[in-house]
Amino acid sequence: MPLFMDVHTLGESVTADAVAEAHKKDLATQGRYGVDYRKYWVDEEAGKIFCLAEGPDAETVSRVHAEAHGLVAEELYRVGEYS
């Protein structure tokens, strides 16, 4: 299945603790959609969150965020995995 990287820009309100809670909600929701949220990164200073997920398509990956906690990313890219 394809990999997707999304970018959320939330400004000063971003904290690693809050993102960890939102990620737990993603994990609880993802199975219904065949999505696997693999990893995320937080840049508190820039107010950004980056999420890496595997899923059938961009719309389905985004739907997990929407249902889990409502924080839909502003940007979503299909990416390849290289070593």
PDB file of N, CA and C in Angstrom:
ATOM      1  N   MET A   1       0.838  -1.186   0.000  1.00  0.00           N
ATOM      2  CA  MET A   1       0.000   0.000   0.000  1.00  0.00           C
ATOM      3  C   MET A   1       0.881   1.248   0.000  1.00  0.00           C
ATOM      4  N   PRO A   2       0.386   2.330  -0.557  1.00  0.00           N
ATOM      5  CA  PRO A   2       1.165   3.565  -0.617  1.00  0.00           C
ATOM      6  C   PRO A   2       1.375   4.198   0.757  1.00  0.00           C
ATOM      7  N   LEU A   3       2.435   4.987   0.843  1.00  0.00           N
ATOM      8  CA  LEU A   3       2.741   5.770   2.036  1.00  0.00           C
ATOM      9  C   LEU A   3       2.372   7.225   1.792  1.00  0.00           C
ATOM     10  N   PHE A   4       1.930   7.893   2.853  1.00  0.00           N
ATOM     11  CA  PHE A   4       1.561   9.304   2.783  1.00  0.00           C
ATOM     12  C   PHE A   4       2.177  10.055   3.949  1.00  0.00           C
ATOM     13  N   MET A   5       2.647  11.270   3.671  1.00  0.00           N
ATOM     14  CA  MET A   5       3.143  12.173   4.701  1.00  0.00           C
ATOM     15  C   MET A   5       2.224  13.382   4.714  1.00  0.00           C
ATOM     16  N   ASP A   6       1.692  13.689   5.895  1.00  0.00           N
ATOM     17  CA  ASP A   6       0.869  14.890   5.972  1.00  0.00           C
ATOM     18  C   ASP A   6       1.522  15.919   6.868  1.00  0.00           C
ATOM     19  N   VAL A   7       1.105  17.171   6.691  1.00  0.00           N
ATOM     20  CA  VAL A   7       1.658  18.292   7.435  1.00  0.00           C
ATOM     21  C   VAL A   7       0.498  19.098   8.007  1.00  0.00           C
ATOM     22  N   HIS A   8       0.528  19.253   9.319  1.00  0.00           N
ATOM     23  CA  HIS A   8      -0.454  20.089  10.028  1.00  0.00           C
ATOM     24  C   HIS A   8       0.283  21.333  10.509  1.00  0.00           C
ATOM     25  N   THR A   9      -0.308  22.494  10.344  1.00  0.00           N
ATOM     26  CA  THR A   9       0.257  23.732  10.869  1.00  0.00           C
ATOM     27  C   THR A   9      -0.733  24.294  11.881  1.00  0.00           C
ATOM     28  N   LEU A  10      -0.361  24.210  13.156  1.00  0.00           N
ATOM     29  CA  LEU A  10      -1.274  24.631  14.221  1.00  0.00           C
ATOM     30  C   LEU A  10      -0.748  25.809  15.025  1.00  0.00           C
ATOM     31  N   GLY A  11       0.439  26.268  14.721  1.00  0.00           N
ATOM     32  CA  GLY A  11       0.989  27.421  15.425  1.00  0.00           C
ATOM     33  C   GLY A  11       1.390  27.112  16.851  1.00  0.00           C
ATOM     34  N   GLU A  12       1.305  28.110  17.702  1.00  0.00           N
ATOM     35  CA  GLU A  12       1.784  28.015  19.082  1.00  0.00           C
ATOM     36  C   GLU A  12       1.040  26.997  19.930  1.00  0.00           C
ATOM     37  N   SER A  13      -0.109  26.535  19.474  1.00  0.00           N
ATOM     38  CA  SER A  13      -0.907  25.628  20.292  1.00  0.00           C
ATOM     39  C   SER A  13      -0.386  24.190  20.282  1.00  0.00           C
ATOM     40  N   VAL A  14       0.641  23.889  19.489  1.00  0.00           N
ATOM     41  CA  VAL A  14       1.138  22.514  19.373  1.00  0.00           C
ATOM     42  C   VAL A  14       2.010  22.154  20.572  1.00  0.00           C
ATOM     43  N   THR A  15       1.661  21.029  21.215  1.00  0.00           N
ATOM     44  CA  THR A  15       2.520  20.461  22.253  1.00  0.00           C
ATOM     45  C   THR A  15       2.681  18.975  21.956  1.00  0.00           C
ATOM     46  N   ALA A  16       3.824  18.443  22.303  1.00  0.00           N
ATOM     47  CA  ALA A  16       4.078  17.021  22.072  1.00  0.00           C
ATOM     48  C   ALA A  16       3.061  16.157  22.808  1.00  0.00           C
ATOM     49  N   ASP A  17       2.665  16.562  24.017  1.00  0.00           N
ATOM     50  CA  ASP A  17       1.687  15.785  24.786  1.00  0.00           C
ATOM     51  C   ASP A  17       0.329  15.738  24.088  1.00  0.00           C
ATOM     52  N   ALA A  18      -0.123  16.864  23.571  1.00  0.00           N
ATOM     53  CA  ALA A  18      -1.412  16.897  22.875  1.00  0.00           C
ATOM     54  C   ALA A  18      -1.372  16.062  21.600  1.00  0.00           C
ATOM     55  N   VAL A  19      -0.263  16.103  20.903  1.00  0.00           N
ATOM     56  CA  VAL A  19      -0.133  15.316  19.677  1.00  0.00           C
ATOM     57  C   VAL A  19      -0.118  13.825  20.008  1.00  0.00           C
ATOM     58  N   ALA A  20       0.526  13.454  21.094  1.00  0.00           N
ATOM     59  CA  ALA A  20       0.538  12.048  21.513  1.00  0.00           C
ATOM     60  C   ALA A  20      -0.883  11.556  21.775  1.00  0.00           C
ATOM     61  N   GLU A  21      -1.715  12.373  22.382  1.00  0.00           N
ATOM     62  CA  GLU A  21      -3.112  11.999  22.635  1.00  0.00           C
ATOM     63  C   GLU A  21      -3.891  11.869  21.325  1.00  0.00           C
ATOM     64  N   ALA A  22      -3.673  12.803  20.404  1.00  0.00           N
ATOM     65  CA  ALA A  22      -4.352  12.724  19.104  1.00  0.00           C
ATOM     66  C   ALA A  22      -3.907  11.476  18.348  1.00  0.00           C
ATOM     67  N   HIS A  23      -2.627  11.137  18.451  1.00  0.00           N
ATOM     68  CA  HIS A  23      -2.113   9.945  17.765  1.00  0.00           C
ATOM     69  C   HIS A  23      -2.774   8.675  18.320  1.00  0.00           C
ATOM     70  N   LYS A  24      -2.991   8.625  19.606  1.00  0.00           N
ATOM     71  CA  LYS A  24      -3.690   7.478  20.209  1.00  0.00           C
ATOM     72  C   LYS A  24      -5.080   7.322  19.591  1.00  0.00           C
ATOM     73  N   LYS A  25      -5.742   8.433  19.340  1.00  0.00           N
ATOM     74  CA  LYS A  25      -7.071   8.391  18.720  1.00  0.00           C
ATOM     75  C   LYS A  25      -6.992   7.905  17.280  1.00  0.00           C
ATOM     76  N   ASP A  26      -5.925   8.319  16.566  1.00  0.00           N
ATOM     77  CA  ASP A  26      -5.715   7.803  15.208  1.00  0.00           C
ATOM     78  C   ASP A  26      -5.564   6.287  15.239  1.00  0.00           C
ATOM     79  N   LEU A  27      -4.752   5.789  16.166  1.00  0.00           N
ATOM     80  CA  LEU A  27      -4.510   4.351  16.257  1.00  0.00           C
ATOM     81  C   LEU A  27      -5.791   3.588  16.576  1.00  0.00           C
ATOM     82  N   ALA A  28      -6.652   4.179  17.375  1.00  0.00           N
ATOM     83  CA  ALA A  28      -7.920   3.532  17.723  1.00  0.00           C
ATOM     84  C   ALA A  28      -8.901   3.519  16.556  1.00  0.00           C
ATOM     85  N   THR A  29      -8.738   4.419  15.606  1.00  0.00           N
ATOM     86  CA  THR A  29      -9.667   4.581  14.483  1.00  0.00           C
ATOM     87  C   THR A  29      -9.170   3.929  13.195  1.00  0.00           C
ATOM     88  N   GLN A  30      -7.868   3.853  12.994  1.00  0.00           N
ATOM     89  CA  GLN A  30      -7.285   3.481  11.707  1.00  0.00           C
ATOM     90  C   GLN A  30      -7.710   2.117  11.181  1.00  0.00           C
ATOM     91  N   GLY A  31      -7.943   1.146  12.033  1.00  0.00           N
ATOM     92  CA  GLY A  31      -8.280  -0.208  11.595  1.00  0.00           C
ATOM     93  C   GLY A  31      -9.551  -0.281  10.775  1.00  0.00           C
ATOM     94  N   ARG A  32     -10.494   0.594  11.057  1.00  0.00           N
ATOM     95  CA  ARG A  32     -11.760   0.612  10.306  1.00  0.00           C
ATOM     96  C   ARG A  32     -11.567   0.985   8.847  1.00  0.00           C
ATOM     97  N   TYR A  33     -10.429   1.615   8.556  1.00  0.00           N
ATOM     98  CA  TYR A  33     -10.192   2.139   7.215  1.00  0.00           C
ATOM     99  C   TYR A  33      -9.016   1.481   6.503  1.00  0.00           C
ATOM    100  N   GLY A  34      -8.380   0.506   7.117  1.00  0.00           N
ATOM    101  CA  GLY A  34      -7.229  -0.133   6.493  1.00  0.00           C
ATOM    102  C   GLY A  34      -6.028   0.777   6.402  1.00  0.00           C
ATOM    103  N   VAL A  35      -5.871   1.655   7.390  1.00  0.00           N
ATOM    104  CA  VAL A  35      -4.783   2.625   7.429  1.00  0.00           C
ATOM    105  C   VAL A  35      -3.858   2.269   8.595  1.00  0.00           C
ATOM    106  N   ASP A  36      -2.565   2.554   8.434  1.00  0.00           N
ATOM    107  CA  ASP A  36      -1.590   2.330   9.496  1.00  0.00           C
ATOM    108  C   ASP A  36      -0.787   3.607   9.695  1.00  0.00           C
ATOM    109  N   TYR A  37      -1.115   4.359  10.744  1.00  0.00           N
ATOM    110  CA  TYR A  37      -0.328   5.545  11.083  1.00  0.00           C
ATOM    111  C   TYR A  37       0.950   5.070  11.746  1.00  0.00           C
ATOM    112  N   ARG A  38       2.058   5.122  11.011  1.00  0.00           N
ATOM    113  CA  ARG A  38       3.322   4.523  11.430  1.00  0.00           C
ATOM    114  C   ARG A  38       4.126   5.357  12.408  1.00  0.00           C
ATOM    115  N   LYS A  39       4.187   6.658  12.174  1.00  0.00           N
ATOM    116  CA  LYS A  39       5.068   7.502  12.968  1.00  0.00           C
ATOM    117  C   LYS A  39       4.636   8.954  12.814  1.00  0.00           C
ATOM    118  N   TYR A  40       4.991   9.768  13.784  1.00  0.00           N
ATOM    119  CA  TYR A  40       4.731  11.196  13.668  1.00  0.00           C
ATOM    120  C   TYR A  40       5.882  11.979  14.290  1.00  0.00           C
ATOM    121  N   TRP A  41       5.990  13.234  13.884  1.00  0.00           N
ATOM    122  CA  TRP A  41       7.012  14.128  14.396  1.00  0.00           C
ATOM    123  C   TRP A  41       6.336  15.449  14.757  1.00  0.00           C
ATOM    124  N   VAL A  42       6.853  16.101  15.788  1.00  0.00           N
ATOM    125  CA  VAL A  42       6.302  17.373  16.247  1.00  0.00           C
ATOM    126  C   VAL A  42       7.423  18.411  16.276  1.00  0.00           C
ATOM    127  N   ASP A  43       7.156  19.574  15.710  1.00  0.00           N
ATOM    128  CA  ASP A  43       8.056  20.716  15.824  1.00  0.00           C
ATOM    129  C   ASP A  43       7.267  21.792  16.572  1.00  0.00           C
ATOM    130  N   GLU A  44       7.418  21.793  17.897  1.00  0.00           N
ATOM    131  CA  GLU A  44       6.652  22.740  18.716  1.00  0.00           C
ATOM    132  C   GLU A  44       6.986  24.183  18.369  1.00  0.00           C
ATOM    133  N   GLU A  45       8.257  24.454  18.102  1.00  0.00           N
ATOM    134  CA  GLU A  45       8.683  25.822  17.804  1.00  0.00           C
ATOM    135  C   GLU A  45       8.023  26.363  16.537  1.00  0.00           C
ATOM    136  N   ALA A  46       7.927  25.528  15.507  1.00  0.00           N
ATOM    137  CA  ALA A  46       7.303  25.940  14.242  1.00  0.00           C
ATOM    138  C   ALA A  46       5.797  25.708  14.247  1.00  0.00           C
ATOM    139  N   GLY A  47       5.288  25.004  15.259  1.00  0.00           N
ATOM    140  CA  GLY A  47       3.854  24.726  15.327  1.00  0.00           C
ATOM    141  C   GLY A  47       3.386  23.735  14.269  1.00  0.00           C
ATOM    142  N   LYS A  48       4.249  22.763  13.954  1.00  0.00           N
ATOM    143  CA  LYS A  48       3.923  21.812  12.890  1.00  0.00           C
ATOM    144  C   LYS A  48       3.956  20.371  13.399  1.00  0.00           C
ATOM    145  N   ILE A  49       3.122  19.554  12.762  1.00  0.00           N
ATOM    146  CA  ILE A  49       3.065  18.122  13.013  1.00  0.00           C
ATOM    147  C   ILE A  49       3.190  17.430  11.658  1.00  0.00           C
ATOM    148  N   PHE A  50       3.962  16.352  11.617  1.00  0.00           N
ATOM    149  CA  PHE A  50       4.156  15.558  10.411  1.00  0.00           C
ATOM    150  C   PHE A  50       3.771  14.122  10.735  1.00  0.00           C
ATOM    151  N   CYS A  51       2.917  13.514   9.921  1.00  0.00           N
ATOM    152  CA  CYS A  51       2.454  12.150  10.162  1.00  0.00           C
ATOM    153  C   CYS A  51       2.742  11.279   8.943  1.00  0.00           C
ATOM    154  N   LEU A  52       3.268  10.087   9.195  1.00  0.00           N
ATOM    155  CA  LEU A  52       3.527   9.118   8.144  1.00  0.00           C
ATOM    156  C   LEU A  52       2.531   7.979   8.293  1.00  0.00           C
ATOM    157  N   ALA A  53       1.776   7.713   7.229  1.00  0.00           N
ATOM    158  CA  ALA A  53       0.748   6.675   7.275  1.00  0.00           C
ATOM    159  C   ALA A  53       0.757   5.858   5.998  1.00  0.00           C
ATOM    160  N   GLU A  54       0.390   4.602   6.146  1.00  0.00           N
ATOM    161  CA  GLU A  54       0.191   3.723   5.005  1.00  0.00           C
ATOM    162  C   GLU A  54      -1.308   3.529   4.852  1.00  0.00           C
ATOM    163  N   GLY A  55      -1.793   3.628   3.627  1.00  0.00           N
ATOM    164  CA  GLY A  55      -3.226   3.469   3.409  1.00  0.00           C
ATOM    165  C   GLY A  55      -3.562   3.327   1.945  1.00  0.00           C
ATOM    166  N   PRO A  56      -4.808   3.027   1.665  1.00  0.00           N
ATOM    167  CA  PRO A  56      -5.217   2.784   0.280  1.00  0.00           C
ATOM    168  C   PRO A  56      -5.158   4.021  -0.607  1.00  0.00           C
ATOM    169  N   ASP A  57      -5.452   5.202  -0.050  1.00  0.00           N
ATOM    170  CA  ASP A  57      -5.424   6.444  -0.823  1.00  0.00           C
ATOM    171  C   ASP A  57      -5.420   7.627   0.135  1.00  0.00           C
ATOM    172  N   ALA A  58      -5.142   8.806  -0.401  1.00  0.00           N
ATOM    173  CA  ALA A  58      -5.021  10.019   0.418  1.00  0.00           C
ATOM    174  C   ALA A  58      -6.315  10.350   1.155  1.00  0.00           C
ATOM    175  N   GLU A  59      -7.436  10.186   0.492  1.00  0.00           N
ATOM    176  CA  GLU A  59      -8.715  10.525   1.102  1.00  0.00           C
ATOM    177  C   GLU A  59      -8.986   9.666   2.345  1.00  0.00           C
ATOM    178  N   THR A  60      -8.673   8.386   2.251  1.00  0.00           N
ATOM    179  CA  THR A  60      -8.915   7.479   3.373  1.00  0.00           C
ATOM    180  C   THR A  60      -7.979   7.789   4.529  1.00  0.00           C
ATOM    181  N   VAL A  61      -6.729   8.074   4.231  1.00  0.00           N
ATOM    182  CA  VAL A  61      -5.772   8.448   5.276  1.00  0.00           C
ATOM    183  C   VAL A  61      -6.257   9.699   6.001  1.00  0.00           C
ATOM    184  N   SER A  62      -6.719  10.681   5.260  1.00  0.00           N
ATOM    185  CA  SER A  62      -7.236  11.917   5.841  1.00  0.00           C
ATOM    186  C   SER A  62      -8.503  11.675   6.662  1.00  0.00           C
ATOM    187  N   ARG A  63      -9.333  10.768   6.213  1.00  0.00           N
ATOM    188  CA  ARG A  63     -10.582  10.464   6.908  1.00  0.00           C
ATOM    189  C   ARG A  63     -10.327   9.975   8.338  1.00  0.00           C
ATOM    190  N   VAL A  64      -9.239   9.236   8.541  1.00  0.00           N
ATOM    191  CA  VAL A  64      -8.919   8.758   9.895  1.00  0.00           C
ATOM    192  C   VAL A  64      -8.715   9.940  10.833  1.00  0.00           C
ATOM    193  N   HIS A  65      -7.922  10.931  10.420  1.00  0.00           N
ATOM    194  CA  HIS A  65      -7.733  12.133  11.252  1.00  0.00           C
ATOM    195  C   HIS A  65      -9.065  12.829  11.515  1.00  0.00           C
ATOM    196  N   ALA A  66      -9.861  12.979  10.474  1.00  0.00           N
ATOM    197  CA  ALA A  66     -11.136  13.693  10.606  1.00  0.00           C
ATOM    198  C   ALA A  66     -12.038  13.020  11.633  1.00  0.00           C
ATOM    199  N   GLU A  67     -12.139  11.713  11.559  1.00  0.00           N
ATOM    200  CA  GLU A  67     -13.004  10.990  12.489  1.00  0.00           C
ATOM    201  C   GLU A  67     -12.400  10.893  13.885  1.00  0.00           C
ATOM    202  N   ALA A  68     -11.092  10.681  13.960  1.00  0.00           N
ATOM    203  CA  ALA A  68     -10.449  10.452  15.257  1.00  0.00           C
ATOM    204  C   ALA A  68     -10.435  11.697  16.138  1.00  0.00           C
ATOM    205  N   HIS A  69     -10.117  12.866  15.548  1.00  0.00           N
ATOM    206  CA  HIS A  69      -9.972  14.065  16.381  1.00  0.00           C
ATOM    207  C   HIS A  69     -10.265  15.369  15.654  1.00  0.00           C
ATOM    208  N   GLY A  70     -10.520  15.315  14.354  1.00  0.00           N
ATOM    209  CA  GLY A  70     -10.890  16.515  13.605  1.00  0.00           C
ATOM    210  C   GLY A  70      -9.739  17.360  13.099  1.00  0.00           C
ATOM    211  N   LEU A  71      -8.506  16.991  13.405  1.00  0.00           N
ATOM    212  CA  LEU A  71      -7.359  17.787  12.964  1.00  0.00           C
ATOM    213  C   LEU A  71      -6.856  17.287  11.613  1.00  0.00           C
ATOM    214  N   VAL A  72      -7.516  17.720  10.555  1.00  0.00           N
ATOM    215  CA  VAL A  72      -7.164  17.300   9.202  1.00  0.00           C
ATOM    216  C   VAL A  72      -5.974  18.135   8.725  1.00  0.00           C
ATOM    217  N   ALA A  73      -5.021  17.494   8.078  1.00  0.00           N
ATOM    218  CA  ALA A  73      -3.806  18.169   7.616  1.00  0.00           C
ATOM    219  C   ALA A  73      -4.088  19.120   6.467  1.00  0.00           C
ATOM    220  N   GLU A  74      -3.308  20.193   6.402  1.00  0.00           N
ATOM    221  CA  GLU A  74      -3.412  21.141   5.297  1.00  0.00           C
ATOM    222  C   GLU A  74      -2.710  20.624   4.046  1.00  0.00           C
ATOM    223  N   GLU A  75      -1.692  19.788   4.254  1.00  0.00           N
ATOM    224  CA  GLU A  75      -0.934  19.235   3.132  1.00  0.00           C
ATOM    225  C   GLU A  75      -0.843  17.722   3.297  1.00  0.00           C
ATOM    226  N   LEU A  76      -0.906  17.001   2.180  1.00  0.00           N
ATOM    227  CA  LEU A  76      -0.819  15.541   2.202  1.00  0.00           C
ATOM    228  C   LEU A  76      -0.117  15.092   0.928  1.00  0.00           C
ATOM    229  N   TYR A  77       0.969  14.338   1.086  1.00  0.00           N
ATOM    230  CA  TYR A  77       1.787  13.928  -0.038  1.00  0.00           C
ATOM    231  C   TYR A  77       1.933  12.408  -0.084  1.00  0.00           C
ATOM    232  N   ARG A  78       1.879  11.842  -1.253  1.00  0.00           N
ATOM    233  CA  ARG A  78       2.233  10.431  -1.415  1.00  0.00           C
ATOM    234  C   ARG A  78       3.755  10.382  -1.502  1.00  0.00           C
ATOM    235  N   VAL A  79       4.369   9.521  -0.708  1.00  0.00           N
ATOM    236  CA  VAL A  79       5.825   9.452  -0.654  1.00  0.00           C
ATOM    237  C   VAL A  79       6.305   8.031  -0.874  1.00  0.00           C
ATOM    238  N   GLY A  80       7.551   7.880  -1.257  1.00  0.00           N
ATOM    239  CA  GLY A  80       8.170   6.571  -1.405  1.00  0.00           C
ATOM    240  C   GLY A  80       9.090   6.307  -0.230  1.00  0.00           C
ATOM    241  N   GLU A  81       9.371   5.049   0.013  1.00  0.00           N
ATOM    242  CA  GLU A  81      10.266   4.661   1.092  1.00  0.00           C
ATOM    243  C   GLU A  81      11.571   4.170   0.481  1.00  0.00           C
ATOM    244  N   TYR A  82      12.675   4.823   0.851  1.00  0.00           N
ATOM    245  CA  TYR A  82      13.966   4.498   0.282  1.00  0.00           C
ATOM    246  C   TYR A  82      14.960   4.267   1.405  1.00  0.00           C
ATOM    247  N   SER A  83      15.931   3.433   1.175  1.00  0.00           N
ATOM    248  CA  SER A  83      16.972   3.173   2.186  1.00  0.00           C
ATOM    249  C   SER A  83      18.275   3.764   1.734  1.00  0.00           C
TER     250      SER A  83
END
